[in-house]
N, C-alpha and C. Protein backbone atom coordinates (compact mmCIF):
# COMPACT_ATOMS: atom_id res chain seq x y z
N MET A 1 36.67 -20.26 -11.25
CA MET A 1 35.47 -20.89 -10.26
C MET A 1 35.38 -20.50 -8.97
N LYS A 2 36.49 -19.99 -8.15
CA LYS A 2 36.42 -19.43 -6.96
C LYS A 2 36.09 -18.00 -6.98
N ALA A 3 36.44 -17.30 -8.19
CA ALA A 3 35.75 -15.62 -8.76
C ALA A 3 34.46 -15.82 -8.18
N THR A 4 33.82 -16.67 -9.35
CA THR A 4 32.34 -16.76 -9.75
C THR A 4 31.54 -17.21 -8.35
N PHE A 5 32.07 -17.78 -7.71
CA PHE A 5 31.35 -18.50 -6.24
C PHE A 5 31.21 -17.01 -5.27
N LYS A 6 32.70 -16.30 -5.15
CA LYS A 6 32.66 -15.13 -4.09
C LYS A 6 31.58 -14.22 -5.13
N ILE A 7 31.50 -13.91 -6.11
CA ILE A 7 30.36 -13.12 -6.85
C ILE A 7 29.14 -13.36 -6.56
N VAL A 8 28.85 -14.75 -6.25
CA VAL A 8 27.52 -15.18 -6.40
C VAL A 8 27.07 -15.06 -4.87
N LEU A 9 28.14 -15.53 -3.98
CA LEU A 9 27.76 -15.32 -2.48
C LEU A 9 27.57 -13.72 -2.35
N PHE A 10 28.74 -12.91 -2.75
CA PHE A 10 28.41 -11.47 -2.49
C PHE A 10 27.23 -10.90 -2.83
N CYS A 11 26.90 -11.48 -3.95
CA CYS A 11 25.26 -10.69 -4.25
C CYS A 11 24.30 -11.42 -3.73
N ALA A 12 24.26 -12.53 -3.20
CA ALA A 12 23.04 -13.02 -2.11
C ALA A 12 23.14 -12.61 -0.73
N ILE A 13 24.57 -12.16 -0.40
CA ILE A 13 24.42 -11.70 1.06
C ILE A 13 24.03 -10.34 0.88
N SER A 14 24.56 -9.32 -0.38
CA SER A 14 23.88 -8.11 -0.52
C SER A 14 22.43 -8.02 -0.67
N MET A 15 22.08 -8.96 -1.49
CA MET A 15 20.15 -8.87 -1.58
C MET A 15 19.44 -9.21 -0.17
N LEU A 16 20.11 -10.01 0.74
CA LEU A 16 19.84 -10.33 1.94
C LEU A 16 19.74 -9.14 2.97
N VAL A 17 20.75 -8.31 3.05
CA VAL A 17 21.09 -7.15 3.74
C VAL A 17 19.90 -6.30 3.11
N PHE A 18 19.81 -5.90 2.05
CA PHE A 18 19.01 -4.82 1.33
C PHE A 18 17.49 -5.03 1.77
N SER A 19 17.15 -6.43 1.70
CA SER A 19 15.98 -6.72 1.91
C SER A 19 15.44 -6.58 3.46
N CYS A 20 16.31 -7.05 4.11
CA CYS A 20 16.24 -6.58 5.73
C CYS A 20 16.10 -5.14 5.89
N THR A 21 16.69 -4.52 5.39
CA THR A 21 16.98 -2.89 5.54
C THR A 21 15.73 -2.39 5.36
N ARG A 22 14.89 -2.79 4.30
CA ARG A 22 13.70 -2.13 3.62
C ARG A 22 12.38 -2.43 4.29
N LYS A 23 12.40 -3.42 5.33
CA LYS A 23 11.17 -3.54 6.07
C LYS A 23 11.12 -2.25 7.23
N VAL A 24 9.68 -2.21 7.00
CA VAL A 24 9.19 -0.76 7.85
C VAL A 24 9.41 -0.97 9.33
N LYS A 25 9.45 0.21 10.10
CA LYS A 25 9.80 0.13 11.33
C LYS A 25 9.07 1.21 11.81
N ILE A 26 7.96 0.97 12.48
CA ILE A 26 6.60 1.96 13.01
C ILE A 26 7.17 2.72 14.33
N CYS A 27 6.96 3.99 14.46
CA CYS A 27 7.24 4.78 15.24
C CYS A 27 6.10 6.06 15.39
N THR A 28 5.64 6.21 16.34
CA THR A 28 4.96 7.37 16.98
C THR A 28 5.07 8.22 17.71
N SER A 29 4.38 9.57 17.65
CA SER A 29 4.64 10.32 18.97
C SER A 29 3.54 11.22 18.92
N PHE A 30 3.08 11.56 20.05
CA PHE A 30 1.79 12.32 20.12
C PHE A 30 1.87 13.45 21.41
N ASP A 31 1.21 14.55 21.14
CA ASP A 31 1.71 15.81 22.10
C ASP A 31 0.89 15.33 23.55
N SER A 32 0.05 14.32 23.60
CA SER A 32 -0.35 14.28 25.01
C SER A 32 -0.72 12.76 25.36
N SER A 33 -1.35 12.51 26.34
CA SER A 33 -1.92 11.05 26.53
C SER A 33 -3.31 11.18 26.95
N SER A 34 -3.61 12.67 27.17
CA SER A 34 -5.34 12.74 27.66
C SER A 34 -5.83 14.00 27.14
N TYR A 35 -7.10 14.22 26.80
CA TYR A 35 -7.41 15.46 26.17
C TYR A 35 -8.71 15.61 26.99
N LEU A 36 -9.43 16.63 26.50
CA LEU A 36 -10.73 17.05 26.70
C LEU A 36 -11.30 17.51 25.56
N VAL A 37 -12.61 16.78 25.49
CA VAL A 37 -13.55 17.24 24.11
C VAL A 37 -13.26 18.53 23.62
N GLY A 38 -13.27 18.25 22.37
CA GLY A 38 -12.92 19.77 21.40
C GLY A 38 -11.30 19.84 21.25
N ASP A 39 -10.59 18.93 22.04
CA ASP A 39 -8.92 19.12 22.08
C ASP A 39 -8.59 18.49 20.61
N THR A 40 -7.33 19.26 20.02
CA THR A 40 -6.64 18.52 18.73
C THR A 40 -5.55 17.82 19.26
N ILE A 41 -5.81 16.41 18.79
CA ILE A 41 -4.48 15.71 18.94
C ILE A 41 -3.76 15.80 17.80
N TYR A 42 -2.34 15.87 18.21
CA TYR A 42 -1.13 16.03 17.11
C TYR A 42 -0.58 14.53 17.05
N GLY A 43 -0.52 13.79 15.52
CA GLY A 43 0.14 12.58 15.93
C GLY A 43 1.43 12.92 14.56
N ASN A 44 2.61 12.43 15.13
CA ASN A 44 3.58 12.28 14.08
C ASN A 44 4.38 10.77 13.96
N ALA A 45 4.43 10.45 13.06
CA ALA A 45 4.99 9.16 12.68
C ALA A 45 6.19 9.47 11.71
N SER A 46 6.91 10.42 11.54
CA SER A 46 7.82 10.81 10.91
C SER A 46 9.23 10.09 11.25
N CYS A 47 9.19 9.30 12.17
CA CYS A 47 10.40 8.78 13.20
C CYS A 47 10.24 7.76 12.63
N SER A 48 9.15 6.70 11.97
CA SER A 48 9.05 5.60 11.05
C SER A 48 10.20 5.51 9.98
N GLU A 49 10.71 4.36 9.82
CA GLU A 49 11.55 4.03 8.71
C GLU A 49 10.91 3.59 7.56
N HIS A 50 11.58 3.79 6.58
CA HIS A 50 11.59 3.04 5.39
C HIS A 50 10.05 2.99 4.58
N VAL A 51 9.12 3.97 4.96
CA VAL A 51 8.00 3.98 4.69
C VAL A 51 7.43 4.70 3.43
N GLU A 52 6.64 4.09 2.61
CA GLU A 52 6.10 4.63 1.25
C GLU A 52 4.69 4.98 1.75
N ASP A 53 3.86 4.52 2.40
CA ASP A 53 2.54 4.96 2.56
C ASP A 53 2.20 5.05 4.03
N PHE A 54 1.45 5.65 4.58
CA PHE A 54 0.80 6.20 5.54
C PHE A 54 -0.52 6.05 5.64
N LEU A 55 -1.10 5.76 6.61
CA LEU A 55 -2.64 5.55 6.28
C LEU A 55 -3.34 5.88 8.18
N TRP A 56 -3.69 6.85 8.47
CA TRP A 56 -4.12 7.28 9.56
C TRP A 56 -6.03 6.65 9.41
N ALA A 57 -6.32 6.04 10.65
CA ALA A 57 -7.84 5.74 10.99
C ALA A 57 -8.28 6.14 12.27
N PRO A 58 -8.94 7.16 12.49
CA PRO A 58 -9.61 7.65 13.61
C PRO A 58 -10.71 6.65 13.87
N GLN A 59 -10.67 6.42 15.29
CA GLN A 59 -12.04 5.29 15.89
C GLN A 59 -13.11 6.37 16.32
N ASP A 60 -14.12 5.86 16.80
CA ASP A 60 -15.23 6.64 17.26
C ASP A 60 -14.83 7.67 18.26
N GLY A 61 -15.55 8.99 18.04
CA GLY A 61 -15.31 9.89 18.80
C GLY A 61 -14.10 10.68 18.37
N LEU A 62 -13.38 10.68 17.41
CA LEU A 62 -12.38 11.36 16.60
C LEU A 62 -12.83 11.85 15.49
N THR A 63 -12.46 13.06 14.83
CA THR A 63 -12.48 13.81 13.26
C THR A 63 -11.09 14.01 13.08
N MET A 64 -11.03 13.65 11.81
CA MET A 64 -9.50 13.54 11.26
C MET A 64 -9.80 15.00 10.55
N ILE A 65 -8.46 15.76 10.68
CA ILE A 65 -8.85 17.12 10.26
C ILE A 65 -7.80 16.82 8.74
N GLY A 66 -6.84 16.10 8.40
CA GLY A 66 -6.16 15.93 7.14
C GLY A 66 -6.86 14.76 6.39
N ASN A 67 -5.86 14.24 5.50
CA ASN A 67 -6.46 13.34 4.39
C ASN A 67 -5.77 11.87 5.17
N GLY A 68 -5.25 12.05 5.82
CA GLY A 68 -4.79 10.48 6.76
C GLY A 68 -3.79 10.04 5.77
N THR A 69 -2.84 10.42 5.04
CA THR A 69 -1.72 9.58 4.14
C THR A 69 -0.60 10.38 4.41
N GLY A 70 -0.13 11.23 5.00
CA GLY A 70 0.95 12.00 5.64
C GLY A 70 1.31 11.34 7.11
N ALA A 71 2.82 11.55 7.02
CA ALA A 71 3.31 11.28 8.30
C ALA A 71 2.94 12.00 9.31
N THR A 72 2.31 13.06 9.27
CA THR A 72 1.61 13.82 10.76
C THR A 72 0.07 13.70 10.21
N GLU A 73 -0.55 13.91 11.22
CA GLU A 73 -1.92 13.98 11.25
C GLU A 73 -2.46 14.62 12.24
N ARG A 74 -3.70 15.37 12.38
CA ARG A 74 -4.39 15.81 13.58
C ARG A 74 -5.90 15.44 13.39
N PHE A 75 -6.36 15.42 14.57
CA PHE A 75 -7.57 14.80 15.39
C PHE A 75 -8.60 15.74 16.17
N ILE A 76 -9.48 15.99 15.92
CA ILE A 76 -10.47 16.62 16.95
C ILE A 76 -11.21 15.75 18.07
N VAL A 77 -11.19 15.90 19.25
CA VAL A 77 -11.73 15.06 19.89
C VAL A 77 -13.14 15.33 20.35
N GLU A 78 -14.02 14.29 19.70
CA GLU A 78 -15.42 14.72 19.70
C GLU A 78 -16.43 14.03 21.01
N PRO A 79 -17.42 14.62 21.30
CA PRO A 79 -18.04 13.97 22.43
C PRO A 79 -18.46 12.77 21.89
N LEU A 80 -18.57 11.70 23.16
CA LEU A 80 -19.18 10.55 22.99
C LEU A 80 -19.33 9.76 24.33
N GLY A 81 -20.74 9.86 24.61
CA GLY A 81 -21.36 9.66 25.85
C GLY A 81 -20.71 8.11 26.47
N GLY A 82 -20.40 8.52 27.64
CA GLY A 82 -19.93 7.54 28.42
C GLY A 82 -18.53 6.58 28.04
N ILE A 83 -18.13 7.24 27.07
CA ILE A 83 -16.94 6.47 26.56
C ILE A 83 -15.48 7.64 27.03
N LEU A 84 -14.71 7.08 27.83
CA LEU A 84 -13.65 7.67 28.23
C LEU A 84 -12.16 7.69 27.62
N SER A 85 -12.24 7.22 26.53
CA SER A 85 -10.95 7.16 25.68
C SER A 85 -11.06 7.06 24.28
N ARG A 86 -10.21 7.35 23.65
CA ARG A 86 -10.53 7.43 22.26
C ARG A 86 -9.03 6.42 21.27
N SER A 87 -9.31 6.17 20.42
CA SER A 87 -8.22 5.59 19.60
C SER A 87 -7.97 6.01 18.16
N VAL A 88 -6.57 5.91 17.71
CA VAL A 88 -6.30 5.82 16.56
C VAL A 88 -5.28 4.75 15.73
N ASP A 89 -5.66 4.53 14.68
CA ASP A 89 -5.20 3.40 14.16
C ASP A 89 -4.00 3.74 13.08
N LEU A 90 -2.81 3.57 12.77
CA LEU A 90 -1.92 3.81 12.20
C LEU A 90 -1.15 2.60 11.23
N THR A 91 -1.34 2.85 9.94
CA THR A 91 -0.75 1.56 8.94
C THR A 91 0.35 2.04 8.40
N ILE A 92 1.67 1.88 8.29
CA ILE A 92 2.56 2.02 7.40
C ILE A 92 3.00 1.18 6.55
N SER A 93 3.45 1.38 5.11
CA SER A 93 3.93 0.31 4.35
C SER A 93 4.67 0.76 3.31
N ASN A 94 5.43 -0.37 2.54
CA ASN A 94 6.17 -0.11 1.58
C ASN A 94 6.27 -1.19 0.99
N SER A 95 6.66 -1.38 -0.29
CA SER A 95 6.43 -2.72 -1.50
C SER A 95 6.73 -3.91 -0.25
N ARG A 96 7.67 -4.04 0.38
CA ARG A 96 8.08 -4.93 1.09
C ARG A 96 7.40 -5.71 2.47
N SER A 97 6.74 -4.81 3.24
CA SER A 97 6.17 -4.75 4.42
C SER A 97 5.18 -4.22 4.89
N ASN A 98 4.73 -3.94 5.83
CA ASN A 98 3.70 -3.32 6.60
C ASN A 98 3.67 -3.54 7.92
N ARG A 99 3.15 -2.22 8.74
CA ARG A 99 3.19 -2.66 10.00
C ARG A 99 1.91 -1.42 10.66
N SER A 100 1.51 -2.19 11.66
CA SER A 100 0.05 -1.47 12.19
C SER A 100 0.27 -1.13 13.88
N LYS A 101 -0.50 -0.02 14.30
CA LYS A 101 -0.25 0.30 15.63
C LYS A 101 -1.39 1.26 16.12
N THR A 102 -1.77 0.86 17.21
CA THR A 102 -3.16 1.58 17.79
C THR A 102 -2.75 2.38 18.98
N GLU A 103 -2.75 3.69 19.06
CA GLU A 103 -2.91 4.36 20.04
C GLU A 103 -4.22 4.89 20.65
N SER A 104 -4.07 4.67 22.00
CA SER A 104 -5.09 5.19 22.69
C SER A 104 -4.79 6.40 23.42
N PHE A 105 -6.07 7.24 23.65
CA PHE A 105 -5.95 8.47 24.55
C PHE A 105 -7.05 8.58 25.70
N LEU A 106 -6.68 9.13 26.78
CA LEU A 106 -7.82 9.19 27.88
C LEU A 106 -8.44 10.62 27.51
N VAL A 107 -9.84 10.70 27.61
CA VAL A 107 -10.64 12.12 27.51
C VAL A 107 -11.36 12.35 28.59
N LEU A 108 -10.93 13.27 29.21
CA LEU A 108 -11.18 14.06 30.55
C LEU A 108 -12.42 14.59 30.60
């Protein structure tokens, strides 16, 4: 009976540890924090952990160069009258969790 209890306890603890380690952790880096109109923004989320899917979404004043589903993405800064910043949203996910992050950049 003690052996069965230990096996069940071990399995429960193992499942708990495994499920905790499968939660996504978001991490991003960009090549700068300020840009000029016409510049290319390089975003990199390959430092994120346990990711199955990436979804990059540029906001007004940015044009995405790729398809937005990889660990890295590029954006072109477009003219946007009177607005001095641009933003990019990133959502990462796996079968257990998801996280989102918005990065903003100054346009000079």
